[in-house]
Amino acid sequence: MNGAPNRPLSRAGDEGFTLIELLVVIVILGILSAVVVFAVSGIQDRGEDSACAMEERSIRVAVESYVAHHPSGELPSSVDWADLVPGHLSDDPALYVFVNNGDGSYSVDPVAGSGCT
C-alpha cells in the first residue's frame, strides 16, 4: 500500500470527551443561563419603577418652581409643559399628569396604561 507506515487510528490519552461529559457540561450551562435570565428580569421592573418615581418628582418640582416664579403664587389651571420648567421635562410626559384640584392643592396622577401606580 503506498509504503506508509501503519499507525493506529487513536493514540493512548488522545480520546476526546465522551458523550456523557458533553451532556453534563450542556446541562450545567443551561442551569447557569436560566439563573441569569431570572436575575436580569427583575432589573427591568426596578428600572420602570424608578422612571415612574423620577417623573413624578420632576413634575412636582416643576409645579413648585412655577408657583415660586409667579407673583400670584397660584397653581396653574392647566399645564403647558414648556411653561413649567423649560428643559427639565420632556415635551409630553407620558407617565403622569398634573391635576389642579381647584382648592389650592394639586395632585400628580398616573396616566392610564403607563404602568405607574
PDB file of N, CA and C in Angstrom:
ATOM      1  N   MET A   1       0.821  -1.174   0.000  1.00  0.00           N
ATOM      2  CA  MET A   1       0.000   0.000   0.000  1.00  0.00           C
ATOM      3  C   MET A   1       0.864   1.235   0.000  1.00  0.00           C
ATOM      4  N   ASN A   2       1.121   2.034  -0.609  1.00  0.00           N
ATOM      5  CA  ASN A   2       1.854   3.284  -0.707  1.00  0.00           C
ATOM      6  C   ASN A   2       3.106   3.348   0.148  1.00  0.00           C
ATOM      7  N   GLY A   3       3.449   2.419   0.856  1.00  0.00           N
ATOM      8  CA  GLY A   3       4.641   2.437   1.691  1.00  0.00           C
ATOM      9  C   GLY A   3       4.475   3.254   2.956  1.00  0.00           C
ATOM     10  N   ALA A   4       3.237   3.645   3.322  1.00  0.00           N
ATOM     11  CA  ALA A   4       3.024   4.429   4.547  1.00  0.00           C
ATOM     12  C   ALA A   4       3.061   3.493   5.734  1.00  0.00           C
ATOM     13  N   PRO A   5       3.681   3.949   6.807  1.00  0.00           N
ATOM     14  CA  PRO A   5       3.728   3.097   7.992  1.00  0.00           C
ATOM     15  C   PRO A   5       2.336   2.921   8.590  1.00  0.00           C
ATOM     16  N   ASN A   6       2.114   1.806   9.188  1.00  0.00           N
ATOM     17  CA  ASN A   6       0.832   1.550   9.850  1.00  0.00           C
ATOM     18  C   ASN A   6       0.769   2.338  11.158  1.00  0.00           C
ATOM     19  N   ARG A   7      -0.265   3.175  11.281  1.00  0.00           N
ATOM     20  CA  ARG A   7      -0.466   3.938  12.519  1.00  0.00           C
ATOM     21  C   ARG A   7      -1.822   3.566  13.099  1.00  0.00           C
ATOM     22  N   PRO A   8      -1.902   3.523  14.412  1.00  0.00           N
ATOM     23  CA  PRO A   8      -3.221   3.262  14.992  1.00  0.00           C
ATOM     24  C   PRO A   8      -4.119   4.487  14.801  1.00  0.00           C
ATOM     25  N   LEU A   9      -5.414   4.267  14.690  1.00  0.00           N
ATOM     26  CA  LEU A   9      -6.346   5.370  14.473  1.00  0.00           C
ATOM     27  C   LEU A   9      -6.406   6.329  15.662  1.00  0.00           C
ATOM     28  N   SER A  10      -6.239   5.856  16.871  1.00  0.00           N
ATOM     29  CA  SER A  10      -6.222   6.748  18.031  1.00  0.00           C
ATOM     30  C   SER A  10      -5.041   6.397  18.906  1.00  0.00           C
ATOM     31  N   ARG A  11      -4.487   7.415  19.499  1.00  0.00           N
ATOM     32  CA  ARG A  11      -3.349   7.199  20.384  1.00  0.00           C
ATOM     33  C   ARG A  11      -3.846   7.131  21.818  1.00  0.00           C
ATOM     34  N   ALA A  12      -3.088   6.541  22.650  1.00  0.00           N
ATOM     35  CA  ALA A  12      -3.459   6.448  24.059  1.00  0.00           C
ATOM     36  C   ALA A  12      -3.426   7.848  24.661  1.00  0.00           C
ATOM     37  N   GLY A  13      -4.497   8.247  25.397  1.00  0.00           N
ATOM     38  CA  GLY A  13      -4.562   9.565  26.037  1.00  0.00           C
ATOM     39  C   GLY A  13      -5.119  10.641  25.109  1.00  0.00           C
ATOM     40  N   ASP A  14      -5.460  10.313  23.868  1.00  0.00           N
ATOM     41  CA  ASP A  14      -5.972  11.294  22.912  1.00  0.00           C
ATOM     42  C   ASP A  14      -7.353  10.860  22.436  1.00  0.00           C
ATOM     43  N   GLU A  15      -8.239  10.624  23.414  1.00  0.00           N
ATOM     44  CA  GLU A  15      -9.531  10.063  23.075  1.00  0.00           C
ATOM     45  C   GLU A  15     -10.633  11.114  22.969  1.00  0.00           C
ATOM     46  N   GLY A  16     -10.478  12.314  23.546  1.00  0.00           N
ATOM     47  CA  GLY A  16     -11.514  13.343  23.492  1.00  0.00           C
ATOM     48  C   GLY A  16     -12.521  13.169  24.614  1.00  0.00           C
ATOM     49  N   PHE A  17     -13.639  13.853  24.480  1.00  0.00           N
ATOM     50  CA  PHE A  17     -14.678  13.822  25.504  1.00  0.00           C
ATOM     51  C   PHE A  17     -15.722  12.769  25.156  1.00  0.00           C
ATOM     52  N   THR A  18     -16.288  12.205  26.192  1.00  0.00           N
ATOM     53  CA  THR A  18     -17.364  11.247  25.962  1.00  0.00           C
ATOM     54  C   THR A  18     -18.683  12.002  25.837  1.00  0.00           C
ATOM     55  N   LEU A  19     -19.676  11.327  25.355  1.00  0.00           N
ATOM     56  CA  LEU A  19     -20.994  11.931  25.196  1.00  0.00           C
ATOM     57  C   LEU A  19     -21.561  12.358  26.555  1.00  0.00           C
ATOM     58  N   ILE A  20     -21.355  11.569  27.564  1.00  0.00           N
ATOM     59  CA  ILE A  20     -21.851  11.893  28.913  1.00  0.00           C
ATOM     60  C   ILE A  20     -21.196  13.177  29.421  1.00  0.00           C
ATOM     61  N   GLU A  21     -19.916  13.342  29.247  1.00  0.00           N
ATOM     62  CA  GLU A  21     -19.218  14.551  29.702  1.00  0.00           C
ATOM     63  C   GLU A  21     -19.765  15.789  28.983  1.00  0.00           C
ATOM     64  N   LEU A  22     -19.985  15.675  27.691  1.00  0.00           N
ATOM     65  CA  LEU A  22     -20.537  16.801  26.939  1.00  0.00           C
ATOM     66  C   LEU A  22     -21.954  17.134  27.403  1.00  0.00           C
ATOM     67  N   LEU A  23     -22.774  16.143  27.668  1.00  0.00           N
ATOM     68  CA  LEU A  23     -24.136  16.384  28.150  1.00  0.00           C
ATOM     69  C   LEU A  23     -24.135  17.044  29.525  1.00  0.00           C
ATOM     70  N   VAL A  24     -23.234  16.640  30.398  1.00  0.00           N
ATOM     71  CA  VAL A  24     -23.135  17.256  31.727  1.00  0.00           C
ATOM     72  C   VAL A  24     -22.774  18.732  31.594  1.00  0.00           C
ATOM     73  N   VAL A  25     -21.839  19.055  30.736  1.00  0.00           N
ATOM     74  CA  VAL A  25     -21.450  20.459  30.530  1.00  0.00           C
ATOM     75  C   VAL A  25     -22.620  21.257  29.963  1.00  0.00           C
ATOM     76  N   ILE A  26     -23.354  20.698  29.030  1.00  0.00           N
ATOM     77  CA  ILE A  26     -24.502  21.401  28.441  1.00  0.00           C
ATOM     78  C   ILE A  26     -25.583  21.641  29.489  1.00  0.00           C
ATOM     79  N   VAL A  27     -25.841  20.672  30.345  1.00  0.00           N
ATOM     80  CA  VAL A  27     -26.842  20.837  31.406  1.00  0.00           C
ATOM     81  C   VAL A  27     -26.411  21.924  32.385  1.00  0.00           C
ATOM     82  N   ILE A  28     -25.147  21.944  32.769  1.00  0.00           N
ATOM     83  CA  ILE A  28     -24.646  22.978  33.688  1.00  0.00           C
ATOM     84  C   ILE A  28     -24.774  24.357  33.062  1.00  0.00           C
ATOM     85  N   LEU A  29     -24.429  24.504  31.789  1.00  0.00           N
ATOM     86  CA  LEU A  29     -24.573  25.791  31.112  1.00  0.00           C
ATOM     87  C   LEU A  29     -26.040  26.212  31.023  1.00  0.00           C
ATOM     88  N   GLY A  30     -26.941  25.263  30.803  1.00  0.00           N
ATOM     89  CA  GLY A  30     -28.373  25.569  30.779  1.00  0.00           C
ATOM     90  C   GLY A  30     -28.871  26.070  32.121  1.00  0.00           C
ATOM     91  N   ILE A  31     -28.440  25.455  33.190  1.00  0.00           N
ATOM     92  CA  ILE A  31     -28.842  25.902  34.533  1.00  0.00           C
ATOM     93  C   ILE A  31     -28.317  27.301  34.809  1.00  0.00           C
ATOM     94  N   LEU A  32     -27.068  27.555  34.482  1.00  0.00           N
ATOM     95  CA  LEU A  32     -26.490  28.890  34.696  1.00  0.00           C
ATOM     96  C   LEU A  32     -27.215  29.949  33.874  1.00  0.00           C
ATOM     97  N   SER A  33     -27.556  29.638  32.633  1.00  0.00           N
ATOM     98  CA  SER A  33     -28.252  30.630  31.805  1.00  0.00           C
ATOM     99  C   SER A  33     -29.660  30.900  32.341  1.00  0.00           C
ATOM    100  N   ALA A  34     -30.337  29.883  32.878  1.00  0.00           N
ATOM    101  CA  ALA A  34     -31.666  30.094  33.463  1.00  0.00           C
ATOM    102  C   ALA A  34     -31.581  31.003  34.685  1.00  0.00           C
ATOM    103  N   VAL A  35     -30.569  30.817  35.508  1.00  0.00           N
ATOM    104  CA  VAL A  35     -30.387  31.674  36.686  1.00  0.00           C
ATOM    105  C   VAL A  35     -30.158  33.118  36.254  1.00  0.00           C
ATOM    106  N   VAL A  36     -29.358  33.326  35.239  1.00  0.00           N
ATOM    107  CA  VAL A  36     -29.072  34.682  34.760  1.00  0.00           C
ATOM    108  C   VAL A  36     -30.326  35.337  34.193  1.00  0.00           C
ATOM    109  N   VAL A  37     -31.126  34.608  33.439  1.00  0.00           N
ATOM    110  CA  VAL A  37     -32.336  35.172  32.842  1.00  0.00           C
ATOM    111  C   VAL A  37     -33.298  35.643  33.927  1.00  0.00           C
ATOM    112  N   PHE A  38     -33.500  34.835  34.966  1.00  0.00           N
ATOM    113  CA  PHE A  38     -34.409  35.232  36.038  1.00  0.00           C
ATOM    114  C   PHE A  38     -33.851  36.387  36.855  1.00  0.00           C
ATOM    115  N   ALA A  39     -32.548  36.460  37.023  1.00  0.00           N
ATOM    116  CA  ALA A  39     -31.944  37.565  37.771  1.00  0.00           C
ATOM    117  C   ALA A  39     -32.059  38.871  37.000  1.00  0.00           C
ATOM    118  N   VAL A  40     -31.930  38.831  35.695  1.00  0.00           N
ATOM    119  CA  VAL A  40     -31.980  40.043  34.875  1.00  0.00           C
ATOM    120  C   VAL A  40     -33.408  40.548  34.698  1.00  0.00           C
ATOM    121  N   SER A  41     -34.395  39.678  34.739  1.00  0.00           N
ATOM    122  CA  SER A  41     -35.778  40.118  34.538  1.00  0.00           C
ATOM    123  C   SER A  41     -36.227  41.077  35.631  1.00  0.00           C
ATOM    124  N   GLY A  42     -35.739  40.948  36.852  1.00  0.00           N
ATOM    125  CA  GLY A  42     -36.089  41.864  37.929  1.00  0.00           C
ATOM    126  C   GLY A  42     -35.486  43.243  37.747  1.00  0.00           C
ATOM    127  N   ILE A  43     -34.402  43.342  37.035  1.00  0.00           N
ATOM    128  CA  ILE A  43     -33.740  44.631  36.822  1.00  0.00           C
ATOM    129  C   ILE A  43     -34.627  45.549  35.990  1.00  0.00           C
ATOM    130  N   GLN A  44     -35.299  45.025  34.986  1.00  0.00           N
ATOM    131  CA  GLN A  44     -36.164  45.846  34.146  1.00  0.00           C
ATOM    132  C   GLN A  44     -37.339  46.399  34.958  1.00  0.00           C
ATOM    133  N   ASP A  45     -37.922  45.590  35.834  1.00  0.00           N
ATOM    134  CA  ASP A  45     -39.029  46.057  36.667  1.00  0.00           C
ATOM    135  C   ASP A  45     -38.588  47.203  37.568  1.00  0.00           C
ATOM    136  N   ARG A  46     -37.412  47.079  38.154  1.00  0.00           N
ATOM    137  CA  ARG A  46     -36.903  48.157  39.011  1.00  0.00           C
ATOM    138  C   ARG A  46     -36.638  49.417  38.201  1.00  0.00           C
ATOM    139  N   GLY A  47     -36.216  49.275  36.958  1.00  0.00           N
ATOM    140  CA  GLY A  47     -35.973  50.429  36.099  1.00  0.00           C
ATOM    141  C   GLY A  47     -37.258  51.178  35.782  1.00  0.00           C
ATOM    142  N   GLU A  48     -38.340  50.446  35.513  1.00  0.00           N
ATOM    143  CA  GLU A  48     -39.625  51.087  35.229  1.00  0.00           C
ATOM    144  C   GLU A  48     -40.155  51.805  36.475  1.00  0.00           C
ATOM    145  N   ASP A  49     -40.019  51.178  37.641  1.00  0.00           N
ATOM    146  CA  ASP A  49     -40.453  51.821  38.881  1.00  0.00           C
ATOM    147  C   ASP A  49     -39.659  53.101  39.133  1.00  0.00           C
ATOM    148  N   SER A  50     -38.377  53.047  38.870  1.00  0.00           N
ATOM    149  CA  SER A  50     -37.525  54.212  39.062  1.00  0.00           C
ATOM    150  C   SER A  50     -37.900  55.336  38.099  1.00  0.00           C
ATOM    151  N   ALA A  51     -38.220  54.998  36.858  1.00  0.00           N
ATOM    152  CA  ALA A  51     -38.627  56.013  35.880  1.00  0.00           C
ATOM    153  C   ALA A  51     -39.928  56.682  36.304  1.00  0.00           C
ATOM    154  N   CYS A  52     -40.867  55.901  36.823  1.00  0.00           N
ATOM    155  CA  CYS A  52     -42.141  56.464  37.290  1.00  0.00           C
ATOM    156  C   CYS A  52     -41.911  57.434  38.445  1.00  0.00           C
ATOM    157  N   ALA A  53     -41.126  57.010  39.414  1.00  0.00           N
ATOM    158  CA  ALA A  53     -40.869  57.859  40.582  1.00  0.00           C
ATOM    159  C   ALA A  53     -40.130  59.132  40.180  1.00  0.00           C
ATOM    160  N   MET A  54     -39.185  59.026  39.274  1.00  0.00           N
ATOM    161  CA  MET A  54     -38.407  60.193  38.858  1.00  0.00           C
ATOM    162  C   MET A  54     -39.272  61.198  38.107  1.00  0.00           C
ATOM    163  N   GLU A  55     -40.159  60.726  37.234  1.00  0.00           N
ATOM    164  CA  GLU A  55     -41.007  61.665  36.506  1.00  0.00           C
ATOM    165  C   GLU A  55     -42.001  62.347  37.441  1.00  0.00           C
ATOM    166  N   GLU A  56     -42.539  61.608  38.410  1.00  0.00           N
ATOM    167  CA  GLU A  56     -43.459  62.220  39.367  1.00  0.00           C
ATOM    168  C   GLU A  56     -42.748  63.315  40.158  1.00  0.00           C
ATOM    169  N   ARG A  57     -41.528  63.030  40.631  1.00  0.00           N
ATOM    170  CA  ARG A  57     -40.774  64.056  41.359  1.00  0.00           C
ATOM    171  C   ARG A  57     -40.462  65.257  40.484  1.00  0.00           C
ATOM    172  N   SER A  58     -40.121  65.005  39.214  1.00  0.00           N
ATOM    173  CA  SER A  58     -39.814  66.108  38.310  1.00  0.00           C
ATOM    174  C   SER A  58     -41.020  67.016  38.101  1.00  0.00           C
ATOM    175  N   ILE A  59     -42.208  66.418  37.963  1.00  0.00           N
ATOM    176  CA  ILE A  59     -43.418  67.226  37.784  1.00  0.00           C
ATOM    177  C   ILE A  59     -43.699  68.030  39.043  1.00  0.00           C
ATOM    178  N   ARG A  60     -43.542  67.419  40.219  1.00  0.00           N
ATOM    179  CA  ARG A  60     -43.787  68.148  41.473  1.00  0.00           C
ATOM    180  C   ARG A  60     -42.810  69.315  41.629  1.00  0.00           C
ATOM    181  N   VAL A  61     -41.555  69.106  41.322  1.00  0.00           N
ATOM    182  CA  VAL A  61     -40.564  70.183  41.408  1.00  0.00           C
ATOM    183  C   VAL A  61     -40.874  71.268  40.392  1.00  0.00           C
ATOM    184  N   ALA A  62     -41.301  70.874  39.193  1.00  0.00           N
ATOM    185  CA  ALA A  62     -41.627  71.850  38.156  1.00  0.00           C
ATOM    186  C   ALA A  62     -42.824  72.712  38.572  1.00  0.00           C
ATOM    187  N   VAL A  63     -43.844  72.104  39.188  1.00  0.00           N
ATOM    188  CA  VAL A  63     -45.014  72.865  39.643  1.00  0.00           C
ATOM    189  C   VAL A  63     -44.614  73.814  40.767  1.00  0.00           C
ATOM    190  N   GLU A  64     -43.804  73.348  41.706  1.00  0.00           N
ATOM    191  CA  GLU A  64     -43.348  74.222  42.791  1.00  0.00           C
ATOM    192  C   GLU A  64     -42.509  75.382  42.254  1.00  0.00           C
ATOM    193  N   SER A  65     -41.693  75.112  41.254  1.00  0.00           N
ATOM    194  CA  SER A  65     -40.897  76.167  40.632  1.00  0.00           C
ATOM    195  C   SER A  65     -41.797  77.168  39.912  1.00  0.00           C
ATOM    196  N   TYR A  66     -42.841  76.683  39.251  1.00  0.00           N
ATOM    197  CA  TYR A  66     -43.800  77.556  38.574  1.00  0.00           C
ATOM    198  C   TYR A  66     -44.455  78.491  39.580  1.00  0.00           C
ATOM    199  N   VAL A  67     -44.901  77.931  40.706  1.00  0.00           N
ATOM    200  CA  VAL A  67     -45.562  78.735  41.743  1.00  0.00           C
ATOM    201  C   VAL A  67     -44.592  79.762  42.306  1.00  0.00           C
ATOM    202  N   ALA A  68     -43.341  79.377  42.517  1.00  0.00           N
ATOM    203  CA  ALA A  68     -42.351  80.296  43.089  1.00  0.00           C
ATOM    204  C   ALA A  68     -42.002  81.433  42.133  1.00  0.00           C
ATOM    205  N   HIS A  69     -42.080  81.200  40.825  1.00  0.00           N
ATOM    206  CA  HIS A  69     -41.695  82.217  39.854  1.00  0.00           C
ATOM    207  C   HIS A  69     -42.847  83.115  39.407  1.00  0.00           C
ATOM    208  N   HIS A  70     -44.041  82.850  39.860  1.00  0.00           N
ATOM    209  CA  HIS A  70     -45.180  83.691  39.509  1.00  0.00           C
ATOM    210  C   HIS A  70     -45.647  84.448  40.744  1.00  0.00           C
ATOM    211  N   PRO A  71     -45.796  85.765  40.615  1.00  0.00           N
ATOM    212  CA  PRO A  71     -46.095  86.597  41.783  1.00  0.00           C
ATOM    213  C   PRO A  71     -47.405  86.219  42.482  1.00  0.00           C
ATOM    214  N   SER A  72     -48.379  85.716  41.763  1.00  0.00           N
ATOM    215  CA  SER A  72     -49.654  85.383  42.402  1.00  0.00           C
ATOM    216  C   SER A  72     -49.513  84.185  43.330  1.00  0.00           C
ATOM    217  N   GLY A  73     -48.550  83.309  43.089  1.00  0.00           N
ATOM    218  CA  GLY A  73     -48.349  82.131  43.914  1.00  0.00           C
ATOM    219  C   GLY A  73     -49.415  81.078  43.726  1.00  0.00           C
ATOM    220  N   GLU A  74     -50.237  81.226  42.687  1.00  0.00           N
ATOM    221  CA  GLU A  74     -51.299  80.254  42.455  1.00  0.00           C
ATOM    222  C   GLU A  74     -50.814  79.134  41.546  1.00  0.00           C
ATOM    223  N   LEU A  75     -51.486  78.027  41.687  1.00  0.00           N
ATOM    224  CA  LEU A  75     -51.178  76.890  40.826  1.00  0.00           C
ATOM    225  C   LEU A  75     -51.716  77.154  39.423  1.00  0.00           C
ATOM    226  N   PRO A  76     -51.055  76.639  38.418  1.00  0.00           N
ATOM    227  CA  PRO A  76     -51.598  76.805  37.066  1.00  0.00           C
ATOM    228  C   PRO A  76     -52.892  76.025  36.922  1.00  0.00           C
ATOM    229  N   SER A  77     -53.832  76.568  36.136  1.00  0.00           N
ATOM    230  CA  SER A  77     -55.092  75.858  35.936  1.00  0.00           C
ATOM    231  C   SER A  77     -54.900  74.672  34.999  1.00  0.00           C
ATOM    232  N   SER A  78     -54.081  74.844  34.016  1.00  0.00           N
ATOM    233  CA  SER A  78     -53.710  73.737  33.140  1.00  0.00           C
ATOM    234  C   SER A  78     -52.210  73.848  32.926  1.00  0.00           C
ATOM    235  N   VAL A  79     -51.639  72.799  32.526  1.00  0.00           N
ATOM    236  CA  VAL A  79     -50.186  72.769  32.437  1.00  0.00           C
ATOM    237  C   VAL A  79     -49.749  72.751  30.983  1.00  0.00           C
ATOM    238  N   ASP A  80     -48.966  73.744  30.634  1.00  0.00           N
ATOM    239  CA  ASP A  80     -48.230  73.712  29.383  1.00  0.00           C
ATOM    240  C   ASP A  80     -46.799  73.375  29.794  1.00  0.00           C
ATOM    241  N   TRP A  81     -46.340  72.201  29.434  1.00  0.00           N
ATOM    242  CA  TRP A  81     -45.053  71.732  29.950  1.00  0.00           C
ATOM    243  C   TRP A  81     -43.914  72.683  29.616  1.00  0.00           C
ATOM    244  N   ALA A  82     -44.010  73.394  28.525  1.00  0.00           N
ATOM    245  CA  ALA A  82     -42.949  74.339  28.169  1.00  0.00           C
ATOM    246  C   ALA A  82     -42.925  75.519  29.126  1.00  0.00           C
ATOM    247  N   ASP A  83     -44.075  75.870  29.733  1.00  0.00           N
ATOM    248  CA  ASP A  83     -44.122  76.991  30.674  1.00  0.00           C
ATOM    249  C   ASP A  83     -43.641  76.612  32.067  1.00  0.00           C
ATOM    250  N   LEU A  84     -43.727  75.352  32.425  1.00  0.00           N
ATOM    251  CA  LEU A  84     -43.345  74.959  33.782  1.00  0.00           C
ATOM    252  C   LEU A  84     -41.856  75.196  34.006  1.00  0.00           C
ATOM    253  N   VAL A  85     -41.050  74.341  33.536  1.00  0.00           N
ATOM    254  CA  VAL A  85     -39.602  74.492  33.654  1.00  0.00           C
ATOM    255  C   VAL A  85     -38.990  74.018  32.351  1.00  0.00           C
ATOM    256  N   PRO A  86     -38.660  74.952  31.477  1.00  0.00           N
ATOM    257  CA  PRO A  86     -38.129  74.540  30.174  1.00  0.00           C
ATOM    258  C   PRO A  86     -36.860  73.707  30.326  1.00  0.00           C
ATOM    259  N   GLY A  87     -36.811  72.610  29.619  1.00  0.00           N
ATOM    260  CA  GLY A  87     -35.631  71.767  29.616  1.00  0.00           C
ATOM    261  C   GLY A  87     -35.569  70.740  30.724  1.00  0.00           C
ATOM    262  N   HIS A  88     -36.471  70.802  31.706  1.00  0.00           N
ATOM    263  CA  HIS A  88     -36.416  69.848  32.806  1.00  0.00           C
ATOM    264  C   HIS A  88     -37.346  68.666  32.604  1.00  0.00           C
ATOM    265  N   LEU A  89     -38.346  68.810  31.777  1.00  0.00           N
ATOM    266  CA  LEU A  89     -39.264  67.719  31.492  1.00  0.00           C
ATOM    267  C   LEU A  89     -39.289  67.465  30.000  1.00  0.00           C
ATOM    268  N   SER A  90     -39.708  66.271  29.634  1.00  0.00           N
ATOM    269  CA  SER A  90     -39.877  66.009  28.213  1.00  0.00           C
ATOM    270  C   SER A  90     -41.039  66.852  27.699  1.00  0.00           C
ATOM    271  N   ASP A  91     -41.151  66.991  26.405  1.00  0.00           N
ATOM    272  CA  ASP A  91     -42.196  67.834  25.831  1.00  0.00           C
ATOM    273  C   ASP A  91     -43.594  67.341  26.193  1.00  0.00           C
ATOM    274  N   ASP A  92     -43.749  66.054  26.318  1.00  0.00           N
ATOM    275  CA  ASP A  92     -45.056  65.499  26.631  1.00  0.00           C
ATOM    276  C   ASP A  92     -44.875  64.333  27.602  1.00  0.00           C
ATOM    277  N   PRO A  93     -44.864  64.601  28.904  1.00  0.00           N
ATOM    278  CA  PRO A  93     -44.684  63.499  29.851  1.00  0.00           C
ATOM    279  C   PRO A  93     -45.767  62.446  29.655  1.00  0.00           C
ATOM    280  N   ALA A  94     -45.349  61.210  29.596  1.00  0.00           N
ATOM    281  CA  ALA A  94     -46.284  60.143  29.270  1.00  0.00           C
ATOM    282  C   ALA A  94     -46.693  59.312  30.479  1.00  0.00           C
ATOM    283  N   LEU A  95     -46.078  59.525  31.639  1.00  0.00           N
ATOM    284  CA  LEU A  95     -46.348  58.662  32.777  1.00  0.00           C
ATOM    285  C   LEU A  95     -47.317  59.273  33.775  1.00  0.00           C
ATOM    286  N   TYR A  96     -47.265  60.585  33.966  1.00  0.00           N
ATOM    287  CA  TYR A  96     -48.097  61.263  34.961  1.00  0.00           C
ATOM    288  C   TYR A  96     -48.719  62.512  34.367  1.00  0.00           C
ATOM    289  N   VAL A  97     -49.794  62.969  34.990  1.00  0.00           N
ATOM    290  CA  VAL A  97     -50.446  64.200  34.567  1.00  0.00           C
ATOM    291  C   VAL A  97     -50.700  65.062  35.802  1.00  0.00           C
ATOM    292  N   PHE A  98     -50.529  66.366  35.644  1.00  0.00           N
ATOM    293  CA  PHE A  98     -50.777  67.331  36.712  1.00  0.00           C
ATOM    294  C   PHE A  98     -52.268  67.655  36.747  1.00  0.00           C
ATOM    295  N   VAL A  99     -52.855  67.643  37.954  1.00  0.00           N
ATOM    296  CA  VAL A  99     -54.271  67.961  38.111  1.00  0.00           C
ATOM    297  C   VAL A  99     -54.417  69.032  39.193  1.00  0.00           C
ATOM    298  N   ASN A 100     -54.977  70.202  38.801  1.00  0.00           N
ATOM    299  CA  ASN A 100     -55.257  71.264  39.771  1.00  0.00           C
ATOM    300  C   ASN A 100     -56.592  70.935  40.413  1.00  0.00           C
ATOM    301  N   ASN A 101     -56.603  70.745  41.725  1.00  0.00           N
ATOM    302  CA  ASN A 101     -57.836  70.373  42.429  1.00  0.00           C
ATOM    303  C   ASN A 101     -58.783  71.547  42.618  1.00  0.00           C
ATOM    304  N   GLY A 102     -58.323  72.772  42.353  1.00  0.00           N
ATOM    305  CA  GLY A 102     -59.181  73.946  42.434  1.00  0.00           C
ATOM    306  C   GLY A 102     -59.287  74.549  43.827  1.00  0.00           C
ATOM    307  N   ASP A 103     -58.725  73.889  44.829  1.00  0.00           N
ATOM    308  CA  ASP A 103     -58.794  74.409  46.196  1.00  0.00           C
ATOM    309  C   ASP A 103     -57.413  74.796  46.726  1.00  0.00           C
ATOM    310  N   GLY A 104     -56.503  75.073  45.810  1.00  0.00           N
ATOM    311  CA  GLY A 104     -55.141  75.429  46.208  1.00  0.00           C
ATOM    312  C   GLY A 104     -54.231  74.216  46.348  1.00  0.00           C
ATOM    313  N   SER A 105     -54.746  73.060  46.059  1.00  0.00           N
ATOM    314  CA  SER A 105     -53.920  71.855  46.107  1.00  0.00           C
ATOM    315  C   SER A 105     -53.865  71.232  44.713  1.00  0.00           C
ATOM    316  N   TYR A 106     -52.955  70.341  44.542  1.00  0.00           N
ATOM    317  CA  TYR A 106     -52.827  69.670  43.252  1.00  0.00           C
ATOM    318  C   TYR A 106     -52.456  68.221  43.485  1.00  0.00           C
ATOM    319  N   SER A 107     -52.610  67.433  42.454  1.00  0.00           N
ATOM    320  CA  SER A 107     -52.181  66.042  42.508  1.00  0.00           C
ATOM    321  C   SER A 107     -51.459  65.699  41.206  1.00  0.00           C
ATOM    322  N   VAL A 108     -50.632  64.722  41.296  1.00  0.00           N
ATOM    323  CA  VAL A 108     -49.917  64.209  40.130  1.00  0.00           C
ATOM    324  C   VAL A 108     -50.380  62.769  39.974  1.00  0.00           C
ATOM    325  N   ASP A 109     -51.228  62.543  38.977  1.00  0.00           N
ATOM    326  CA  ASP A 109     -51.856  61.235  38.804  1.00  0.00           C
ATOM    327  C   ASP A 109     -51.233  60.468  37.664  1.00  0.00           C
ATOM    328  N   PRO A 110     -51.099  59.140  37.820  1.00  0.00           N
ATOM    329  CA  PRO A 110     -50.566  58.344  36.720  1.00  0.00           C
ATOM    330  C   PRO A 110     -51.525  58.296  35.543  1.00  0.00           C
ATOM    331  N   VAL A 111     -50.969  58.307  34.355  1.00  0.00           N
ATOM    332  CA  VAL A 111     -51.756  58.196  33.133  1.00  0.00           C
ATOM    333  C   VAL A 111     -52.154  56.739  32.970  1.00  0.00           C
ATOM    334  N   ALA A 112     -53.410  56.510  32.563  1.00  0.00           N
ATOM    335  CA  ALA A 112     -53.881  55.142  32.359  1.00  0.00           C
ATOM    336  C   ALA A 112     -53.016  54.432  31.321  1.00  0.00           C
ATOM    337  N   GLY A 113     -52.589  53.236  31.657  1.00  0.00           N
ATOM    338  CA  GLY A 113     -51.783  52.434  30.742  1.00  0.00           C
ATOM    339  C   GLY A 113     -50.302  52.742  30.769  1.00  0.00           C
ATOM    340  N   SER A 114     -49.872  53.648  31.656  1.00  0.00           N
ATOM    341  CA  SER A 114     -48.461  53.996  31.713  1.00  0.00           C
ATOM    342  C   SER A 114     -47.650  52.989  32.513  1.00  0.00           C
ATOM    343  N   GLY A 115     -48.319  52.162  33.304  1.00  0.00           N
ATOM    344  CA  GLY A 115     -47.609  51.188  34.129  1.00  0.00           C
ATOM    345  C   GLY A 115     -47.212  51.725  35.483  1.00  0.00           C
ATOM    346  N   CYS A 116     -47.496  52.997  35.744  1.00  0.00           N
ATOM    347  CA  CYS A 116     -47.181  53.595  37.035  1.00  0.00           C
ATOM    348  C   CYS A 116     -48.417  53.517  37.934  1.00  0.00           C
ATOM    349  N   THR A 117     -48.175  53.335  39.205  1.00  0.00           N
ATOM    350  CA  THR A 117     -49.302  53.267  40.144  1.00  0.00           C
ATOM    351  C   THR A 117     -49.182  54.329  41.217  1.00  0.00           C
TER     352      THR A 117
END
